[in-house]
Amino acid sequence: MTPKGMRAQFSSLANGHTVHVYSDDSKLCLQIRHGVPTEVNIAAPSFKVAVELSAADALAIAGELLGAAAHSLKKAGAIPAYIGE
């Protein structure tokens, strides 16, 4: 459920996890969820964890993720080497 008054955006990842971002004018919250259905593995833990981020923290993390993703894509030959240089 989305916290009252907050915008919600979520992404389902290839590995089955989901990343949720909740925001309003004053705060940002990043939540990561990992769910394992009981019928798949009764002993595997499911969890969700959330951290509240400042705008500066969110930008710093986004910058790191973009840099790491660009590097991986360049190494894989998925984007031209000159992009991001």
Protein backbone atom coordinates (compact mmCIF):
# COMPACT_ATOMS: atom_id res chain seq x y z
CA MET A 1 0.00 0.00 0.00
CA THR A 2 1.31 3.45 -0.90
CA PRO A 3 1.89 5.75 2.08
CA LYS A 4 -0.76 8.48 2.14
CA GLY A 5 0.09 11.50 0.01
CA MET A 6 3.17 9.91 -1.59
CA ARG A 7 3.87 9.12 -5.24
CA ALA A 8 4.72 5.46 -5.86
CA GLN A 9 6.85 4.02 -8.64
CA PHE A 10 7.98 0.42 -8.78
CA SER A 11 10.10 -1.74 -11.02
CA SER A 12 10.04 -5.51 -11.26
CA LEU A 13 13.54 -6.85 -11.80
CA ALA A 14 14.59 -9.83 -13.92
CA ASN A 15 15.44 -11.82 -10.77
CA GLY A 16 11.92 -11.43 -9.38
CA HIS A 17 12.73 -8.74 -6.84
CA THR A 18 10.96 -5.39 -6.89
CA VAL A 19 12.23 -1.91 -6.15
CA HIS A 20 9.71 0.66 -4.94
CA VAL A 21 10.30 4.40 -4.74
CA TYR A 22 7.94 6.51 -2.67
CA SER A 23 8.23 10.29 -2.69
CA ASP A 24 6.57 13.54 -1.82
CA ASP A 25 7.81 17.13 -1.65
CA SER A 26 9.84 16.51 1.50
CA LYS A 27 11.23 12.97 1.37
CA LEU A 28 12.20 9.97 -0.73
CA CYS A 29 12.00 6.36 0.37
CA LEU A 30 13.61 3.42 -1.43
CA GLN A 31 12.20 -0.01 -0.68
CA ILE A 32 13.57 -3.34 -1.93
CA ARG A 33 11.37 -6.42 -1.76
CA HIS A 34 12.34 -10.06 -2.14
CA GLY A 35 9.54 -12.56 -2.11
CA VAL A 36 9.76 -16.34 -2.35
CA PRO A 37 6.46 -18.19 -2.57
CA THR A 38 6.15 -20.91 0.08
CA GLU A 39 5.39 -23.50 -2.58
CA VAL A 40 8.72 -22.72 -4.26
CA ASN A 41 10.88 -22.91 -1.14
CA ILE A 42 9.35 -23.08 2.31
CA ALA A 43 12.66 -22.27 4.02
CA ALA A 44 13.69 -19.28 1.88
CA PRO A 45 13.16 -15.92 3.56
CA SER A 46 11.05 -13.16 2.05
CA PHE A 47 11.79 -9.62 3.11
CA LYS A 48 11.41 -5.95 2.43
CA VAL A 49 13.73 -3.22 3.56
CA ALA A 50 13.37 0.53 3.17
CA VAL A 51 15.60 3.53 3.66
CA GLU A 52 14.68 7.19 3.67
CA LEU A 53 16.97 9.26 1.45
CA SER A 54 17.70 12.94 1.15
CA ALA A 55 17.55 14.42 -2.34
CA ALA A 56 21.36 14.61 -2.35
CA ASP A 57 21.65 10.94 -1.33
CA ALA A 58 19.24 9.90 -4.09
CA LEU A 59 21.20 11.85 -6.72
CA ALA A 60 24.51 10.39 -5.53
CA ILE A 61 23.15 6.84 -5.66
CA ALA A 62 21.56 7.44 -9.07
CA GLY A 63 24.86 8.77 -10.39
CA GLU A 64 26.75 5.72 -9.14
CA LEU A 65 24.17 3.35 -10.64
CA LEU A 66 24.24 5.14 -14.01
CA GLY A 67 28.05 5.06 -14.10
CA ALA A 68 28.20 1.37 -13.20
CA ALA A 69 25.48 0.46 -15.71
CA ALA A 70 27.19 2.42 -18.50
CA HIS A 71 30.50 0.69 -17.73
CA SER A 72 28.86 -2.77 -17.83
CA LEU A 73 27.07 -2.02 -21.09
CA LYS A 74 30.27 -0.71 -22.68
CA LYS A 75 32.19 -3.85 -21.62
CA ALA A 76 29.44 -6.00 -23.09
CA GLY A 77 29.56 -4.03 -26.35
CA ALA A 78 25.94 -2.97 -25.94
CA ILE A 79 26.72 0.74 -26.33
CA PRO A 80 29.49 2.52 -28.24
CA ALA A 81 32.67 3.11 -26.25
CA TYR A 82 32.61 6.87 -26.87
CA ILE A 83 29.34 7.39 -24.95
CA GLY A 84 30.03 8.64 -21.45
CA GLU A 85 33.64 9.61 -22.11
